[in-house]
Structures are given as structure tokens and as C-alpha cells.
């Protein structure tokens, strides 16, 4: 059926314009990321290279893992301020268990396996307590997780006897950690081609500096975690219930969803992804640091917001958080390559967060306009 007269044409044009604006507001972060890559590639010496892109991906894994769980929480209209120190608690717990088992004469592989399990297990505790406080006792998420922030921070430092890092890891254990945390599934060596799993022992130092890591292990592990939790959120009943709770908790209860149990699981997931981040931090730097995730806490929230997740709940996705994490990593790396002082990184990221919130507000206003039209 064709709309007659000029009024019909105006309505069609208005519909096209609104859809275009809606597309831009939902996809702006992807275009912004592409624009940053192009800008820094043109202005920063050595930015556009396989080595640098692999470094950016590896650097972004910490924020990316933290933002996965944070996305689930924020979609339910909550927030978790404790995950930065949960990362540190997981890191030092894993390091201490590995160190003690190795010093007791256990096999390094066994010590590493048990240490990783312990680090992930201890990371679930803050998430569980947060979930119970929010779901059962009705403590506001900001207050509950802020309190847990202090508790986990203290526990992380107690485990290290007040030291910044856990020391005493054997050389063999450090080397095993380094192989995973700083290794790659695939390498490219100029003039020699590709190498799988490990670099040749006879590689001269001048050629070693030119090696490109194509598939770093931390990136592979993070990608697997992203795929699993992105699938759960987008394709499962659990994911659908998460959006419903974020849209209206009361409506979710009336529809038969066990909201309390669901929220507890959500906060446990947030603790789990923070625990994975802490374990990977240990593998990358071969030392457990209680403050490992402190600086990345606000960056993880920023990544979620930049990725389009609504702070008031009910809207968002994991891939948006991934793009937000990459934007922050690209900004940090690009500014360093341009020799811009590190303090400007905080300012630039802050500006991007404000832009993201304004875009979200614009999208909400557009949806209200379309519903009233």
C-alpha cells in the first residue's frame, strides 16, 4: 500500500531518519573504535602493526574480563564496586597456594592447577555475599559492594602480610607461569615464517625483537570466556530473565522468575570473571598483587557504559563491553605512542564516558519520541 500525498512522503522520510539515528546511537562505539585506530595509525609511529595490536588485545584482557560480569550486574540495574579488589584477592590466593604447594615438593603442574582452582573459588565468595546482601537483605548494590570493597581489600593485603606482591615463587614455577601468561599459540618470525606454541631456542636477540605474537594465550582465554557469557546472555533463558529483571524487578517477580536466586547468581558470575582476571594477571606478571585490579575498576564500568549498557538496567550486551574495553586500551596505547602524559588518559577516558552517557540519553529520548509518534 502506497502512502498518498506529501504527508505520506514526509512520514516515510521521518521514519528513515529516526531509524538512521537509532542505528548511530546503538553502533557509535564501533565507529568510534574504528576512528581511533585510523587516527592513531596515521599519527603514531608503529601503532599500525601486528605486534602493537596483539599488545593492545593483551592489555585489554583485564578490563574485558571485569566488564563481562559488570555487564550482567548493570543490566539488572546494579553495580559491583568490589571486583577490582576481588581481582587482587584471586591473584594473591593463587600465588600463595602455588608457592606453598611447590615448596612442599609437589609437581609444578599440580601446584598450578590447584592454585588456579583456589583463586577462582575464593573469588566467588565476595560475589555470593554481595548477591545475598542485595537480593535477600535488600541492601542497595552501591552500598553492599562498597562495603565488600573494603573487606576484600583488607583480606588481599592480609594474605600478603602487608606486602605489595607475593614473593618466593620458584624459578621453575615462574617460568611455567610466564609461558602461559606471556606466550602465544602462534608466532610470526620475519624471514622464517610461522612457529606454533614456542619460539626456536636458537633465535638471535636481534630477530627476537621482531617477533609478532599472533594468538597470545591470555587473549585466547579471554575470548573463550567472552563467547561463553555472551551466548548465555543473548541466547539462554537465564539471559532473558536478566533483561526482564533489569527492566522491572516487580514485573519479573509477577511473571514467576526467582529474582533473588537470579541476582545471587549474577553477582557470583561477576566475582568469577574477576577471579579469572586475577589468575591471568598472576600468569602475565608472575607475581600476585593485591592491587592488581584497583585501577581497572572504573575502567570496567566505563567499558560497559561506552558499550551501550544502560546504567538504569534492562539493556546491554557483552560485545558492547568488549568494544568499550578495546576503546580504552586503544586510547591508552595511542596516547603513550604520541608521548602524551599519562594524566591525559584519565581525562580522555572521562570525556568518552560522558559522551557515552549522552548518547544513551539521546537513544532513550528517541525511543520515547517514536513511541509517542
Protein backbone atom coordinates (compact mmCIF):
# COMPACT_ATOMS: atom_id res chain seq x y z
CA UNK A 1 0.00 0.00 0.00
CA UNK A 2 1.50 3.32 -1.06
CA UNK A 3 1.07 6.34 1.18
CA UNK A 4 -0.54 9.19 -0.79
CA UNK A 5 0.29 12.89 -0.86
CA UNK A 6 3.20 14.88 0.61
CA UNK A 7 2.25 13.87 4.15
CA UNK A 8 2.98 10.24 3.38
CA UNK A 9 6.38 11.12 1.93
CA UNK A 10 7.22 13.21 5.00
CA UNK A 11 6.27 10.35 7.29
CA UNK A 12 8.43 7.92 5.35
CA UNK A 13 11.37 10.33 5.48
CA UNK A 14 10.86 10.82 9.23
CA UNK A 15 10.85 7.04 9.70
CA UNK A 16 14.09 6.67 7.72
CA UNK A 17 15.74 9.48 9.69
CA UNK A 18 14.71 8.02 13.05
CA UNK A 19 15.98 4.57 12.09
CA UNK A 20 19.28 6.07 10.95
CA UNK A 21 19.68 7.98 14.22
CA UNK A 22 18.74 4.84 16.16
CA UNK A 23 21.40 2.89 14.24
CA UNK A 24 24.03 5.54 15.01
CA UNK A 25 23.21 5.71 18.72
CA UNK A 26 23.42 1.93 19.05
CA UNK A 27 26.55 1.48 16.90
CA UNK A 28 28.52 4.65 17.61
CA UNK A 29 31.11 2.85 19.75
CA UNK A 30 32.12 0.60 16.82
CA UNK A 31 32.62 3.61 14.57
CA UNK A 32 34.46 5.43 17.35
CA UNK A 33 36.83 2.48 17.79
CA UNK A 34 37.48 2.38 14.05
CA UNK A 35 38.10 6.15 14.03
CA UNK A 36 40.60 5.85 16.89
CA UNK A 37 42.52 3.09 15.10
CA UNK A 38 42.67 5.16 11.90
CA UNK A 39 43.70 8.33 13.78
CA UNK A 40 46.49 6.72 15.80
CA UNK A 41 47.66 4.73 12.76
CA UNK A 42 48.16 7.99 10.87
CA UNK A 43 49.71 9.94 13.73
CA UNK A 44 51.51 7.37 15.90
CA UNK A 45 54.73 5.78 14.69
CA UNK A 46 54.44 1.99 14.92
CA UNK A 47 50.81 1.94 16.02
CA UNK A 48 49.55 0.09 12.95
CA UNK A 49 51.41 -3.19 13.39
CA UNK A 50 50.61 -6.76 14.34
CA UNK A 51 52.85 -6.51 17.41
CA UNK A 52 51.04 -3.43 18.67
CA UNK A 53 47.56 -4.82 18.03
CA UNK A 54 48.49 -8.02 19.88
CA UNK A 55 49.75 -5.88 22.76
CA UNK A 56 46.50 -3.88 22.81
CA UNK A 57 44.43 -7.07 22.89
CA UNK A 58 46.55 -8.50 25.72
CA UNK A 59 46.38 -5.24 27.69
CA UNK A 60 42.59 -5.10 27.32
CA UNK A 61 42.01 -8.59 28.75
CA UNK A 62 41.94 -7.43 32.39
CA UNK A 63 39.30 -4.74 31.80
CA UNK A 64 37.43 -7.00 29.39
CA UNK A 65 37.07 -9.86 31.87
CA UNK A 66 35.97 -7.50 34.64
CA UNK A 67 33.46 -5.82 32.32
CA UNK A 68 31.79 -9.14 31.44
CA UNK A 69 30.50 -9.70 34.96
CA UNK A 70 29.88 -5.99 35.41
CA UNK A 71 27.64 -6.04 32.33
CA UNK A 72 25.40 -8.71 33.87
CA UNK A 73 25.17 -6.72 37.11
CA UNK A 74 24.46 -3.35 35.47
CA UNK A 75 21.77 -4.86 33.22
CA UNK A 76 19.94 -5.75 36.45
CA UNK A 77 20.28 -2.06 37.50
CA UNK A 78 23.05 -2.85 39.99
CA UNK A 79 26.79 -2.25 40.22
CA UNK A 80 29.74 -4.10 41.75
CA UNK A 81 32.45 -1.87 43.23
CA UNK A 82 34.32 -4.78 44.83
CA UNK A 83 35.57 -6.57 41.72
CA UNK A 84 38.79 -4.54 41.49
CA UNK A 85 39.99 -5.98 44.78
CA UNK A 86 38.44 -9.37 44.01
CA UNK A 87 40.93 -9.50 41.14
CA UNK A 88 43.74 -8.84 43.63
CA UNK A 89 42.42 -11.37 46.15
CA UNK A 90 42.25 -14.03 43.46
CA UNK A 91 45.75 -13.14 42.27
CA UNK A 92 47.42 -13.41 45.69
CA UNK A 93 45.46 -16.51 46.69
CA UNK A 94 46.52 -18.31 43.53
CA UNK A 95 50.13 -17.24 44.02
CA UNK A 96 50.28 -18.33 47.65
CA UNK A 97 48.72 -21.74 47.01
CA UNK A 98 51.05 -22.37 44.07
CA UNK A 99 54.09 -21.26 46.06
CA UNK A 100 53.27 -23.34 49.14
CA UNK A 101 52.49 -26.48 47.14
CA UNK A 102 55.65 -26.13 45.05
CA UNK A 103 57.79 -25.56 48.15
CA UNK A 104 56.28 -28.73 49.68
CA UNK A 105 57.72 -30.76 46.81
CA UNK A 106 54.61 -31.11 44.70
CA UNK A 107 54.77 -31.15 40.92
CA UNK A 108 54.63 -27.66 39.37
CA UNK A 109 51.71 -28.58 37.12
CA UNK A 110 49.74 -29.85 40.13
CA UNK A 111 50.58 -26.72 42.13
CA UNK A 112 49.42 -24.52 39.25
CA UNK A 113 46.16 -26.43 38.79
CA UNK A 114 45.23 -26.35 42.48
CA UNK A 115 46.31 -22.70 42.73
CA UNK A 116 44.05 -21.66 39.85
CA UNK A 117 41.12 -23.57 41.37
CA UNK A 118 41.71 -21.89 44.74
CA UNK A 119 41.94 -18.44 43.16
CA UNK A 120 38.68 -18.88 41.29
CA UNK A 121 36.94 -20.38 44.32
CA UNK A 122 37.89 -17.53 46.65
CA UNK A 123 36.66 -15.01 44.06
CA UNK A 124 33.16 -16.49 44.29
CA UNK A 125 32.85 -15.57 47.98
CA UNK A 126 32.56 -11.77 47.57
CA UNK A 127 30.11 -12.32 44.73
CA UNK A 128 27.98 -14.65 46.83
CA UNK A 129 27.92 -12.27 49.80
CA UNK A 130 27.12 -9.32 47.53
CA UNK A 131 24.28 -11.26 45.95
CA UNK A 132 22.78 -12.23 49.31
CA UNK A 133 23.02 -8.67 50.62
CA UNK A 134 21.35 -7.23 47.51
CA UNK A 135 18.75 -9.94 46.89
CA UNK A 136 17.80 -11.15 50.36
CA UNK A 137 18.53 -8.24 52.70
CA UNK A 138 17.68 -5.56 50.13
CA UNK A 139 20.88 -3.57 50.65
CA UNK A 140 21.41 -1.17 47.72
CA UNK A 141 24.06 -2.58 45.37
CA UNK A 142 26.25 0.51 45.69
CA UNK A 143 26.38 0.23 49.49
CA UNK A 144 26.71 -3.57 49.62
CA UNK A 145 29.57 -3.73 47.13
CA UNK A 146 31.27 -0.65 48.60
CA UNK A 147 31.40 -2.42 51.95
CA UNK A 148 32.71 -5.55 50.25
CA UNK A 149 35.30 -3.33 48.53
CA UNK A 150 36.91 -2.63 51.92
CA UNK A 151 36.61 -6.20 53.18
CA UNK A 152 38.20 -7.79 50.13
CA UNK A 153 40.90 -5.13 50.00
CA UNK A 154 41.87 -5.88 53.59
CA UNK A 155 41.80 -9.63 53.01
CA UNK A 156 44.06 -9.30 49.96
CA UNK A 157 46.67 -7.36 51.94
CA UNK A 158 46.41 -9.70 54.92
CA UNK A 159 47.25 -12.65 52.69
CA UNK A 160 50.45 -10.90 51.62
CA UNK A 161 51.43 -9.80 55.15
CA UNK A 162 51.14 -6.18 54.11
CA UNK A 163 53.45 -6.56 51.13
CA UNK A 164 52.63 -5.35 47.64
CA UNK A 165 53.27 -8.72 45.99
CA UNK A 166 53.71 -12.35 46.97
CA UNK A 167 57.37 -13.30 46.62
CA UNK A 168 59.14 -16.64 46.87
CA UNK A 169 57.89 -18.29 43.69
CA UNK A 170 60.49 -20.73 42.40
CA UNK A 171 62.26 -20.14 39.09
CA UNK A 172 60.58 -23.20 37.58
CA UNK A 173 57.15 -22.02 38.67
CA UNK A 174 57.78 -18.50 37.38
CA UNK A 175 58.87 -19.87 34.03
CA UNK A 176 55.76 -22.03 33.76
CA UNK A 177 53.57 -19.03 34.59
CA UNK A 178 55.41 -16.88 32.07
CA UNK A 179 54.97 -19.45 29.30
CA UNK A 180 51.19 -19.14 29.60
CA UNK A 181 50.85 -15.51 30.62
CA UNK A 182 53.29 -14.16 28.03
CA UNK A 183 53.27 -16.94 25.46
CA UNK A 184 51.34 -17.38 22.26
CA UNK A 185 49.77 -20.18 20.30
CA UNK A 186 51.20 -18.80 17.07
CA UNK A 187 54.23 -16.62 16.34
CA UNK A 188 55.40 -14.89 13.18
CA UNK A 189 59.16 -14.51 12.72
CA UNK A 190 60.34 -12.29 9.84
CA UNK A 191 62.36 -14.25 7.26
CA UNK A 192 61.50 -17.53 8.99
CA UNK A 193 57.70 -17.70 8.87
CA UNK A 194 55.26 -19.06 11.46
CA UNK A 195 56.02 -21.06 14.59
CA UNK A 196 53.48 -22.83 16.78
CA UNK A 197 53.48 -22.91 20.60
CA UNK A 198 57.08 -21.82 21.25
CA UNK A 199 59.93 -19.86 19.70
CA UNK A 200 63.06 -21.63 18.47
CA UNK A 201 65.79 -21.81 21.10
CA UNK A 202 68.43 -20.63 18.60
CA UNK A 203 66.64 -17.39 17.72
CA UNK A 204 69.14 -14.48 17.91
CA UNK A 205 68.23 -11.43 20.09
CA UNK A 206 68.03 -9.04 17.13
CA UNK A 207 65.43 -11.25 15.48
CA UNK A 208 63.63 -11.92 18.75
CA UNK A 209 62.72 -8.25 18.95
CA UNK A 210 60.89 -8.52 15.62
CA UNK A 211 58.71 -11.50 16.57
CA UNK A 212 54.94 -10.94 16.46
CA UNK A 213 52.58 -12.83 18.75
CA UNK A 214 49.52 -13.62 16.65
CA UNK A 215 47.48 -15.58 19.21
CA UNK A 216 48.56 -14.72 22.78
CA UNK A 217 47.26 -17.20 25.35
CA UNK A 218 45.61 -14.52 27.58
CA UNK A 219 43.67 -13.27 24.54
CA UNK A 220 42.53 -16.81 23.65
CA UNK A 221 41.37 -17.49 27.22
CA UNK A 222 39.55 -14.16 27.39
CA UNK A 223 37.90 -14.76 24.01
CA UNK A 224 36.56 -18.11 25.22
CA UNK A 225 35.15 -16.50 28.37
CA UNK A 226 33.56 -13.74 26.28
CA UNK A 227 31.92 -16.24 23.93
CA UNK A 228 30.50 -18.33 26.77
CA UNK A 229 28.97 -15.44 28.69
CA UNK A 230 27.84 -13.61 25.56
CA UNK A 231 25.97 -16.75 24.49
CA UNK A 232 24.38 -17.15 27.92
CA UNK A 233 23.20 -13.54 27.98
CA UNK A 234 21.94 -13.43 24.39
CA UNK A 235 20.62 -16.94 23.80
CA UNK A 236 19.57 -18.55 27.07
CA UNK A 237 16.55 -18.29 29.35
CA UNK A 238 18.90 -17.07 32.07
CA UNK A 239 19.89 -14.16 29.83
CA UNK A 240 16.29 -13.29 29.03
CA UNK A 241 15.43 -13.29 32.71
CA UNK A 242 18.39 -10.97 33.35
CA UNK A 243 16.94 -8.37 30.98
CA UNK A 244 13.46 -8.75 32.46
CA UNK A 245 14.76 -8.15 35.99
CA UNK A 246 16.66 -5.09 34.82
CA UNK A 247 13.56 -3.73 33.10
CA UNK A 248 11.26 -4.21 36.06
CA UNK A 249 12.05 -6.35 39.09
CA UNK A 250 8.44 -6.30 40.20
CA UNK A 251 7.23 -7.48 36.79
CA UNK A 252 9.84 -10.24 36.87
CA UNK A 253 8.56 -11.48 40.22
CA UNK A 254 4.98 -11.45 38.99
CA UNK A 255 5.96 -13.47 35.92
CA UNK A 256 7.34 -16.24 38.14
CA UNK A 257 11.07 -15.54 37.93
CA UNK A 258 13.01 -16.35 41.09
CA UNK A 259 14.56 -12.88 41.24
CA UNK A 260 16.50 -13.42 44.48
CA UNK A 261 18.26 -16.55 43.26
CA UNK A 262 18.91 -14.96 39.89
CA UNK A 263 20.55 -11.86 41.40
CA UNK A 264 22.76 -14.01 43.63
CA UNK A 265 23.95 -15.95 40.58
CA UNK A 266 24.56 -12.67 38.72
CA UNK A 267 26.89 -11.38 41.45
CA UNK A 268 28.64 -14.76 41.65
CA UNK A 269 29.28 -14.53 37.89
CA UNK A 270 30.76 -11.08 38.44
CA UNK A 271 33.08 -12.50 41.09
CA UNK A 272 34.03 -15.42 38.84
CA UNK A 273 35.06 -13.23 35.89
CA UNK A 274 37.05 -11.02 38.28
CA UNK A 275 38.72 -14.19 39.59
CA UNK A 276 39.68 -15.24 36.07
CA UNK A 277 41.16 -11.77 35.56
CA UNK A 278 43.19 -12.15 38.77
CA UNK A 279 44.56 -15.54 37.73
CA UNK A 280 45.56 -14.21 34.32
CA UNK A 281 47.23 -11.21 35.98
CA UNK A 282 49.38 -13.61 38.00
CA UNK A 283 50.31 -15.57 34.88
CA UNK A 284 51.25 -12.40 32.99
CA UNK A 285 53.35 -10.76 35.72
CA UNK A 286 54.43 -13.90 37.66
CA UNK A 287 53.57 -12.26 40.97
CA UNK A 288 50.36 -11.97 42.96
CA UNK A 289 49.44 -8.35 43.57
CA UNK A 290 46.60 -7.36 45.93
CA UNK A 291 46.05 -4.12 43.99
CA UNK A 292 46.01 -5.92 40.61
CA UNK A 293 42.54 -4.72 39.63
CA UNK A 294 42.29 -1.50 41.61
CA UNK A 295 42.97 0.86 38.70
CA UNK A 296 40.80 -1.18 36.32
CA UNK A 297 37.60 -0.94 38.39
CA UNK A 298 36.38 2.35 36.97
CA UNK A 299 37.67 1.36 33.54
CA UNK A 300 35.48 -1.75 33.63
CA UNK A 301 32.42 0.35 34.43
CA UNK A 302 33.45 2.80 31.71
CA UNK A 303 33.78 -0.04 29.19
CA UNK A 304 30.28 -1.27 30.00
CA UNK A 305 28.78 2.23 29.67
CA UNK A 306 30.70 3.01 26.47
CA UNK A 307 29.46 -0.30 25.08
CA UNK A 308 25.86 0.85 25.40
CA UNK A 309 24.67 -0.85 28.60
CA UNK A 310 22.04 1.27 30.33
CA UNK A 311 23.01 2.22 33.89
CA UNK A 312 19.32 2.04 34.83
CA UNK A 313 19.12 -1.60 33.73
CA UNK A 314 17.33 -3.69 31.15
CA UNK A 315 19.64 -3.04 28.20
CA UNK A 316 23.17 -4.01 27.15
CA UNK A 317 25.30 -6.83 25.78
CA UNK A 318 28.73 -8.40 26.20
CA UNK A 319 30.06 -7.41 22.78
CA UNK A 320 29.40 -3.78 23.61
CA UNK A 321 31.55 -4.17 26.74
CA UNK A 322 34.27 -5.80 24.62
CA UNK A 323 34.27 -2.83 22.24
CA UNK A 324 34.33 -0.46 25.21
CA UNK A 325 37.36 -2.28 26.64
CA UNK A 326 39.15 -2.07 23.31
CA UNK A 327 38.39 1.66 23.05
CA UNK A 328 40.02 2.26 26.43
CA UNK A 329 43.04 0.11 25.54
CA UNK A 330 43.48 1.81 22.16
CA UNK A 331 43.23 5.25 23.78
CA UNK A 332 45.81 4.39 26.41
CA UNK A 333 48.23 2.85 23.91
CA UNK A 334 47.76 5.57 21.32
CA UNK A 335 48.36 8.38 23.78
CA UNK A 336 51.53 6.67 25.02
CA UNK A 337 52.82 6.31 21.45
CA UNK A 338 52.12 10.01 20.88
CA UNK A 339 54.16 10.79 24.03
CA UNK A 340 51.18 12.42 25.75
CA UNK A 341 51.41 12.48 29.55
CA UNK A 342 49.54 9.67 31.28
CA UNK A 343 47.34 12.08 33.23
CA UNK A 344 45.58 12.94 29.96
CA UNK A 345 44.47 9.32 29.65
CA UNK A 346 42.10 9.78 32.58
CA UNK A 347 40.74 13.00 31.12
CA UNK A 348 40.16 11.49 27.67
CA UNK A 349 38.51 8.36 29.07
CA UNK A 350 36.31 10.58 31.27
CA UNK A 351 35.21 12.59 28.24
CA UNK A 352 34.37 9.40 26.36
CA UNK A 353 32.27 8.18 29.30
CA UNK A 354 30.28 11.43 29.29
CA UNK A 355 29.78 11.10 25.52
CA UNK A 356 28.54 7.54 26.03
CA UNK A 357 26.02 8.63 28.66
CA UNK A 358 24.78 11.45 26.42
CA UNK A 359 24.35 9.02 23.53
CA UNK A 360 22.39 6.67 25.80
CA UNK A 361 20.17 9.57 26.84
CA UNK A 362 19.68 10.51 23.19
CA UNK A 363 18.69 6.94 22.38
CA UNK A 364 16.19 6.88 25.26
CA UNK A 365 14.71 10.20 24.11
CA UNK A 366 14.43 8.87 20.56
CA UNK A 367 12.60 5.76 21.76
CA UNK A 368 10.16 7.89 23.74
CA UNK A 369 9.59 10.08 20.70
CA UNK A 370 8.93 7.04 18.47
CA UNK A 371 6.51 5.53 20.98
CA UNK A 372 4.54 8.82 21.19
CA UNK A 373 4.55 9.42 17.44
